[in-house]
């Protein structure tokens, strides 16, 4: 079972509602709720996940090598 986190924002009658919403959004982002929600919106097959992971690694490698090449000329 996954860990569940209850996000609460304590407000008083004098507090601004926009402030409370902003604080709630920040807490959701810090706990990764939004990221997890977007990840679960659509199912990806394991083969597709693996393919995307390989492509991302190739992209990082290409970016790093071009960065090294650019600075090695100096």
PDB file of N, CA and C in Angstrom:
ATOM      1  N   UNK A   1       0.834  -1.176   0.000  1.00  0.00           N
ATOM      2  CA  UNK A   1       0.000   0.000   0.000  1.00  0.00           C
ATOM      3  C   UNK A   1       0.883   1.245   0.000  1.00  0.00           C
ATOM      4  N   UNK A   2       0.499   2.206  -0.799  1.00  0.00           N
ATOM      5  CA  UNK A   2       1.299   3.417  -0.912  1.00  0.00           C
ATOM      6  C   UNK A   2       1.033   4.341   0.263  1.00  0.00           C
ATOM      7  N   UNK A   3       2.024   5.177   0.532  1.00  0.00           N
ATOM      8  CA  UNK A   3       1.854   6.170   1.589  1.00  0.00           C
ATOM      9  C   UNK A   3       0.892   7.239   1.112  1.00  0.00           C
ATOM     10  N   UNK A   4      -0.029   7.582   1.956  1.00  0.00           N
ATOM     11  CA  UNK A   4      -0.964   8.639   1.618  1.00  0.00           C
ATOM     12  C   UNK A   4      -0.684   9.837   2.500  1.00  0.00           C
ATOM     13  N   UNK A   5      -0.789  10.993   1.908  1.00  0.00           N
ATOM     14  CA  UNK A   5      -0.529  12.226   2.620  1.00  0.00           C
ATOM     15  C   UNK A   5      -1.789  13.073   2.569  1.00  0.00           C
ATOM     16  N   UNK A   6      -2.206  13.565   3.701  1.00  0.00           N
ATOM     17  CA  UNK A   6      -3.346  14.459   3.747  1.00  0.00           C
ATOM     18  C   UNK A   6      -2.819  15.880   3.787  1.00  0.00           C
ATOM     19  N   UNK A   7      -3.204  16.639   2.785  1.00  0.00           N
ATOM     20  CA  UNK A   7      -2.751  18.021   2.694  1.00  0.00           C
ATOM     21  C   UNK A   7      -3.843  18.909   3.272  1.00  0.00           C
ATOM     22  N   UNK A   8      -3.457  19.684   4.284  1.00  0.00           N
ATOM     23  CA  UNK A   8      -4.415  20.601   4.889  1.00  0.00           C
ATOM     24  C   UNK A   8      -3.812  21.994   4.947  1.00  0.00           C
ATOM     25  N   UNK A   9      -4.677  22.975   4.787  1.00  0.00           N
ATOM     26  CA  UNK A   9      -4.274  24.372   4.910  1.00  0.00           C
ATOM     27  C   UNK A   9      -5.175  24.992   5.967  1.00  0.00           C
ATOM     28  N   UNK A  10      -4.583  25.379   7.076  1.00  0.00           N
ATOM     29  CA  UNK A  10      -5.355  25.997   8.151  1.00  0.00           C
ATOM     30  C   UNK A  10      -5.551  27.477   7.846  1.00  0.00           C
ATOM     31  N   UNK A  11      -6.796  27.886   7.781  1.00  0.00           N
ATOM     32  CA  UNK A  11      -7.090  29.292   7.507  1.00  0.00           C
ATOM     33  C   UNK A  11      -8.071  29.810   8.554  1.00  0.00           C
ATOM     34  N   UNK A  12      -8.068  31.107   8.676  1.00  0.00           N
ATOM     35  CA  UNK A  12      -9.010  31.769   9.574  1.00  0.00           C
ATOM     36  C   UNK A  12      -9.963  32.599   8.735  1.00  0.00           C
ATOM     37  N   UNK A  13     -10.971  33.155   9.354  1.00  0.00           N
ATOM     38  CA  UNK A  13     -11.958  33.940   8.608  1.00  0.00           C
ATOM     39  C   UNK A  13     -11.345  35.187   7.981  1.00  0.00           C
ATOM     40  N   UNK A  14     -10.294  35.692   8.573  1.00  0.00           N
ATOM     41  CA  UNK A  14      -9.689  36.924   8.058  1.00  0.00           C
ATOM     42  C   UNK A  14      -8.699  36.682   6.923  1.00  0.00           C
ATOM     43  N   UNK A  15      -8.318  35.417   6.699  1.00  0.00           N
ATOM     44  CA  UNK A  15      -7.340  35.102   5.655  1.00  0.00           C
ATOM     45  C   UNK A  15      -7.957  35.226   4.260  1.00  0.00           C
ATOM     46  N   UNK A  16      -7.108  35.546   3.315  1.00  0.00           N
ATOM     47  CA  UNK A  16      -7.514  35.689   1.928  1.00  0.00           C
ATOM     48  C   UNK A  16      -7.604  34.304   1.282  1.00  0.00           C
ATOM     49  N   UNK A  17      -8.668  34.065   0.513  1.00  0.00           N
ATOM     50  CA  UNK A  17      -8.866  32.764  -0.123  1.00  0.00           C
ATOM     51  C   UNK A  17      -7.794  32.506  -1.184  1.00  0.00           C
ATOM     52  N   UNK A  18      -7.342  33.543  -1.880  1.00  0.00           N
ATOM     53  CA  UNK A  18      -6.296  33.369  -2.894  1.00  0.00           C
ATOM     54  C   UNK A  18      -4.991  32.903  -2.255  1.00  0.00           C
ATOM     55  N   UNK A  19      -4.701  33.427  -1.087  1.00  0.00           N
ATOM     56  CA  UNK A  19      -3.507  33.012  -0.350  1.00  0.00           C
ATOM     57  C   UNK A  19      -3.599  31.532   0.007  1.00  0.00           C
ATOM     58  N   UNK A  20      -4.770  31.104   0.473  1.00  0.00           N
ATOM     59  CA  UNK A  20      -4.961  29.711   0.870  1.00  0.00           C
ATOM     60  C   UNK A  20      -4.828  28.774  -0.328  1.00  0.00           C
ATOM     61  N   UNK A  21      -5.399  29.164  -1.470  1.00  0.00           N
ATOM     62  CA  UNK A  21      -5.289  28.337  -2.667  1.00  0.00           C
ATOM     63  C   UNK A  21      -3.846  28.233  -3.139  1.00  0.00           C
ATOM     64  N   UNK A  22      -3.133  29.356  -3.073  1.00  0.00           N
ATOM     65  CA  UNK A  22      -1.733  29.358  -3.488  1.00  0.00           C
ATOM     66  C   UNK A  22      -0.907  28.434  -2.587  1.00  0.00           C
ATOM     67  N   UNK A  23      -1.162  28.489  -1.290  1.00  0.00           N
ATOM     68  CA  UNK A  23      -0.447  27.632  -0.350  1.00  0.00           C
ATOM     69  C   UNK A  23      -0.787  26.160  -0.591  1.00  0.00           C
ATOM     70  N   UNK A  24      -2.054  25.879  -0.880  1.00  0.00           N
ATOM     71  CA  UNK A  24      -2.479  24.509  -1.170  1.00  0.00           C
ATOM     72  C   UNK A  24      -1.781  23.979  -2.422  1.00  0.00           C
ATOM     73  N   UNK A  25      -1.712  24.786  -3.477  1.00  0.00           N
ATOM     74  CA  UNK A  25      -1.039  24.369  -4.719  1.00  0.00           C
ATOM     75  C   UNK A  25       0.442  24.077  -4.467  1.00  0.00           C
ATOM     76  N   UNK A  26       1.094  24.946  -3.689  1.00  0.00           N
ATOM     77  CA  UNK A  26       2.507  24.736  -3.380  1.00  0.00           C
ATOM     78  C   UNK A  26       2.726  23.430  -2.623  1.00  0.00           C
ATOM     79  N   UNK A  27       1.845  23.139  -1.687  1.00  0.00           N
ATOM     80  CA  UNK A  27       1.965  21.888  -0.929  1.00  0.00           C
ATOM     81  C   UNK A  27       1.748  20.683  -1.831  1.00  0.00           C
ATOM     82  N   UNK A  28       0.791  20.774  -2.737  1.00  0.00           N
ATOM     83  CA  UNK A  28       0.543  19.678  -3.686  1.00  0.00           C
ATOM     84  C   UNK A  28       1.777  19.434  -4.540  1.00  0.00           C
ATOM     85  N   UNK A  29       2.404  20.501  -5.008  1.00  0.00           N
ATOM     86  CA  UNK A  29       3.603  20.357  -5.820  1.00  0.00           C
ATOM     87  C   UNK A  29       4.752  19.760  -5.015  1.00  0.00           C
ATOM     88  N   UNK A  30       4.904  20.189  -3.770  1.00  0.00           N
ATOM     89  CA  UNK A  30       6.020  19.699  -2.960  1.00  0.00           C
ATOM     90  C   UNK A  30       5.867  18.213  -2.634  1.00  0.00           C
ATOM     91  N   UNK A  31       4.639  17.722  -2.489  1.00  0.00           N
ATOM     92  CA  UNK A  31       4.420  16.305  -2.216  1.00  0.00           C
ATOM     93  C   UNK A  31       4.357  15.481  -3.497  1.00  0.00           C
ATOM     94  N   UNK A  32       4.363  16.117  -4.653  1.00  0.00           N
ATOM     95  CA  UNK A  32       4.345  15.402  -5.923  1.00  0.00           C
ATOM     96  C   UNK A  32       2.977  14.903  -6.332  1.00  0.00           C
ATOM     97  N   UNK A  33       1.930  15.483  -5.806  1.00  0.00           N
ATOM     98  CA  UNK A  33       0.573  15.036  -6.114  1.00  0.00           C
ATOM     99  C   UNK A  33       0.241  15.293  -7.576  1.00  0.00           C
ATOM    100  N   UNK A  34       0.568  16.465  -8.069  1.00  0.00           N
ATOM    101  CA  UNK A  34       0.244  16.829  -9.441  1.00  0.00           C
ATOM    102  C   UNK A  34       1.025  15.955 -10.423  1.00  0.00           C
ATOM    103  N   UNK A  35       2.288  15.741 -10.140  1.00  0.00           N
ATOM    104  CA  UNK A  35       3.124  14.903 -11.000  1.00  0.00           C
ATOM    105  C   UNK A  35       2.578  13.482 -11.069  1.00  0.00           C
ATOM    106  N   UNK A  36       2.193  12.940  -9.922  1.00  0.00           N
ATOM    107  CA  UNK A  36       1.648  11.581  -9.866  1.00  0.00           C
ATOM    108  C   UNK A  36       0.315  11.504 -10.605  1.00  0.00           C
ATOM    109  N   UNK A  37      -0.513  12.520 -10.464  1.00  0.00           N
ATOM    110  CA  UNK A  37      -1.807  12.546 -11.140  1.00  0.00           C
ATOM    111  C   UNK A  37      -1.629  12.526 -12.650  1.00  0.00           C
ATOM    112  N   UNK A  38      -0.731  13.357 -13.152  1.00  0.00           N
ATOM    113  CA  UNK A  38      -0.494  13.409 -14.594  1.00  0.00           C
ATOM    114  C   UNK A  38       0.084  12.087 -15.097  1.00  0.00           C
ATOM    115  N   UNK A  39       0.928  11.456 -14.282  1.00  0.00           N
ATOM    116  CA  UNK A  39       1.528  10.189 -14.669  1.00  0.00           C
ATOM    117  C   UNK A  39       0.467   9.100 -14.793  1.00  0.00           C
ATOM    118  N   UNK A  40      -0.545   9.148 -13.951  1.00  0.00           N
ATOM    119  CA  UNK A  40      -1.572   8.111 -13.936  1.00  0.00           C
ATOM    120  C   UNK A  40      -2.738   8.391 -14.882  1.00  0.00           C
ATOM    121  N   UNK A  41      -2.746   9.534 -15.541  1.00  0.00           N
ATOM    122  CA  UNK A  41      -3.865   9.854 -16.428  1.00  0.00           C
ATOM    123  C   UNK A  41      -3.972   8.871 -17.584  1.00  0.00           C
ATOM    124  N   UNK A  42      -2.850   8.441 -18.111  1.00  0.00           N
ATOM    125  CA  UNK A  42      -2.870   7.508 -19.233  1.00  0.00           C
ATOM    126  C   UNK A  42      -1.922   6.354 -18.935  1.00  0.00           C
ATOM    127  N   UNK A  43      -2.348   5.163 -19.281  1.00  0.00           N
ATOM    128  CA  UNK A  43      -1.518   3.975 -19.052  1.00  0.00           C
ATOM    129  C   UNK A  43      -0.505   3.855 -20.177  1.00  0.00           C
ATOM    130  N   UNK A  44       0.726   3.571 -19.807  1.00  0.00           N
ATOM    131  CA  UNK A  44       1.767   3.307 -20.789  1.00  0.00           C
ATOM    132  C   UNK A  44       2.260   1.888 -20.581  1.00  0.00           C
ATOM    133  N   UNK A  45       2.369   1.178 -21.686  1.00  0.00           N
ATOM    134  CA  UNK A  45       2.882  -0.182 -21.605  1.00  0.00           C
ATOM    135  C   UNK A  45       4.345  -0.135 -21.160  1.00  0.00           C
ATOM    136  N   UNK A  46       4.799  -1.184 -20.491  1.00  0.00           N
ATOM    137  CA  UNK A  46       6.200  -1.216 -20.054  1.00  0.00           C
ATOM    138  C   UNK A  46       7.183  -1.054 -21.207  1.00  0.00           C
ATOM    139  N   UNK A  47       6.853  -1.587 -22.379  1.00  0.00           N
ATOM    140  CA  UNK A  47       7.752  -1.462 -23.530  1.00  0.00           C
ATOM    141  C   UNK A  47       7.854  -0.006 -23.979  1.00  0.00           C
ATOM    142  N   UNK A  48       6.755   0.730 -23.887  1.00  0.00           N
ATOM    143  CA  UNK A  48       6.768   2.146 -24.267  1.00  0.00           C
ATOM    144  C   UNK A  48       7.576   2.952 -23.258  1.00  0.00           C
ATOM    145  N   UNK A  49       7.414   2.636 -21.982  1.00  0.00           N
ATOM    146  CA  UNK A  49       8.197   3.319 -20.938  1.00  0.00           C
ATOM    147  C   UNK A  49       9.686   3.098 -21.151  1.00  0.00           C
ATOM    148  N   UNK A  50      10.061   1.853 -21.457  1.00  0.00           N
ATOM    149  CA  UNK A  50      11.461   1.526 -21.676  1.00  0.00           C
ATOM    150  C   UNK A  50      12.013   2.274 -22.894  1.00  0.00           C
ATOM    151  N   UNK A  51      11.209   2.338 -23.954  1.00  0.00           N
ATOM    152  CA  UNK A  51      11.630   3.048 -25.163  1.00  0.00           C
ATOM    153  C   UNK A  51      11.858   4.531 -24.863  1.00  0.00           C
ATOM    154  N   UNK A  52      10.931   5.142 -24.128  1.00  0.00           N
ATOM    155  CA  UNK A  52      11.076   6.559 -23.776  1.00  0.00           C
ATOM    156  C   UNK A  52      12.301   6.782 -22.898  1.00  0.00           C
ATOM    157  N   UNK A  53      12.559   5.837 -21.997  1.00  0.00           N
ATOM    158  CA  UNK A  53      13.715   5.949 -21.117  1.00  0.00           C
ATOM    159  C   UNK A  53      15.010   5.888 -21.918  1.00  0.00           C
ATOM    160  N   UNK A  54      15.078   4.967 -22.894  1.00  0.00           N
ATOM    161  CA  UNK A  54      16.257   4.865 -23.759  1.00  0.00           C
ATOM    162  C   UNK A  54      16.456   6.134 -24.582  1.00  0.00           C
ATOM    163  N   UNK A  55      15.357   6.659 -25.135  1.00  0.00           N
ATOM    164  CA  UNK A  55      15.449   7.879 -25.947  1.00  0.00           C
ATOM    165  C   UNK A  55      15.925   9.064 -25.111  1.00  0.00           C
ATOM    166  N   UNK A  56      15.443   9.163 -23.880  1.00  0.00           N
ATOM    167  CA  UNK A  56      15.865  10.254 -23.000  1.00  0.00           C
ATOM    168  C   UNK A  56      17.346  10.131 -22.670  1.00  0.00           C
ATOM    169  N   UNK A  57      17.814   8.899 -22.459  1.00  0.00           N
ATOM    170  CA  UNK A  57      19.230   8.684 -22.159  1.00  0.00           C
ATOM    171  C   UNK A  57      20.093   9.044 -23.357  1.00  0.00           C
ATOM    172  N   UNK A  58      19.645   8.679 -24.556  1.00  0.00           N
ATOM    173  CA  UNK A  58      20.391   9.017 -25.770  1.00  0.00           C
ATOM    174  C   UNK A  58      20.449  10.533 -25.964  1.00  0.00           C
ATOM    175  N   UNK A  59      19.342  11.198 -25.675  1.00  0.00           N
ATOM    176  CA  UNK A  59      19.283  12.657 -25.801  1.00  0.00           C
ATOM    177  C   UNK A  59      20.241  13.320 -24.814  1.00  0.00           C
ATOM    178  N   UNK A  60      20.263  12.829 -23.574  1.00  0.00           N
ATOM    179  CA  UNK A  60      21.184  13.383 -22.574  1.00  0.00           C
ATOM    180  C   UNK A  60      22.629  13.175 -22.990  1.00  0.00           C
ATOM    181  N   UNK A  61      22.913  11.978 -23.504  1.00  0.00           N
ATOM    182  CA  UNK A  61      24.277  11.657 -23.921  1.00  0.00           C
ATOM    183  C   UNK A  61      24.714  12.564 -25.080  1.00  0.00           C
ATOM    184  N   UNK A  62      23.832  12.762 -26.039  1.00  0.00           N
ATOM    185  CA  UNK A  62      24.140  13.616 -27.189  1.00  0.00           C
ATOM    186  C   UNK A  62      24.365  15.062 -26.739  1.00  0.00           C
ATOM    187  N   UNK A  63      23.529  15.525 -25.840  1.00  0.00           N
ATOM    188  CA  UNK A  63      23.648  16.892 -25.332  1.00  0.00           C
ATOM    189  C   UNK A  63      24.968  17.074 -24.588  1.00  0.00           C
ATOM    190  N   UNK A  64      25.329  16.103 -23.762  1.00  0.00           N
ATOM    191  CA  UNK A  64      26.569  16.174 -22.999  1.00  0.00           C
ATOM    192  C   UNK A  64      27.786  16.141 -23.922  1.00  0.00           C
ATOM    193  N   UNK A  65      27.761  15.284 -24.945  1.00  0.00           N
ATOM    194  CA  UNK A  65      28.903  15.197 -25.843  1.00  0.00           C
ATOM    195  C   UNK A  65      29.058  16.468 -26.672  1.00  0.00           C
ATOM    196  N   UNK A  66      27.946  17.080 -27.074  1.00  0.00           N
ATOM    197  CA  UNK A  66      28.045  18.328 -27.833  1.00  0.00           C
ATOM    198  C   UNK A  66      28.566  19.450 -26.939  1.00  0.00           C
ATOM    199  N   UNK A  67      28.200  19.404 -25.676  1.00  0.00           N
ATOM    200  CA  UNK A  67      28.680  20.412 -24.732  1.00  0.00           C
ATOM    201  C   UNK A  67      30.191  20.267 -24.536  1.00  0.00           C
ATOM    202  N   UNK A  68      30.654  19.028 -24.408  1.00  0.00           N
ATOM    203  CA  UNK A  68      32.092  18.785 -24.255  1.00  0.00           C
ATOM    204  C   UNK A  68      32.857  19.218 -25.506  1.00  0.00           C
ATOM    205  N   UNK A  69      32.322  18.890 -26.672  1.00  0.00           N
ATOM    206  CA  UNK A  69      32.979  19.222 -27.934  1.00  0.00           C
ATOM    207  C   UNK A  69      33.105  20.736 -28.091  1.00  0.00           C
ATOM    208  N   UNK A  70      32.058  21.451 -27.726  1.00  0.00           N
ATOM    209  CA  UNK A  70      32.052  22.907 -27.857  1.00  0.00           C
ATOM    210  C   UNK A  70      33.146  23.547 -27.002  1.00  0.00           C
ATOM    211  N   UNK A  71      33.317  23.058 -25.795  1.00  0.00           N
ATOM    212  CA  UNK A  71      34.284  23.674 -24.889  1.00  0.00           C
ATOM    213  C   UNK A  71      35.709  23.130 -25.053  1.00  0.00           C
ATOM    214  N   UNK A  72      35.860  22.040 -25.795  1.00  0.00           N
ATOM    215  CA  UNK A  72      37.196  21.480 -25.969  1.00  0.00           C
ATOM    216  C   UNK A  72      38.020  22.250 -27.007  1.00  0.00           C
ATOM    217  N   UNK A  73      37.370  23.078 -27.824  1.00  0.00           N
ATOM    218  CA  UNK A  73      38.066  23.846 -28.859  1.00  0.00           C
ATOM    219  C   UNK A  73      38.873  24.992 -28.282  1.00  0.00           C
ATOM    220  N   UNK A  74      38.560  25.411 -27.094  1.00  0.00           N
ATOM    221  CA  UNK A  74      39.220  26.572 -26.490  1.00  0.00           C
ATOM    222  C   UNK A  74      40.619  26.289 -26.095  1.00  0.00           C
TER     223      UNK A  74
END
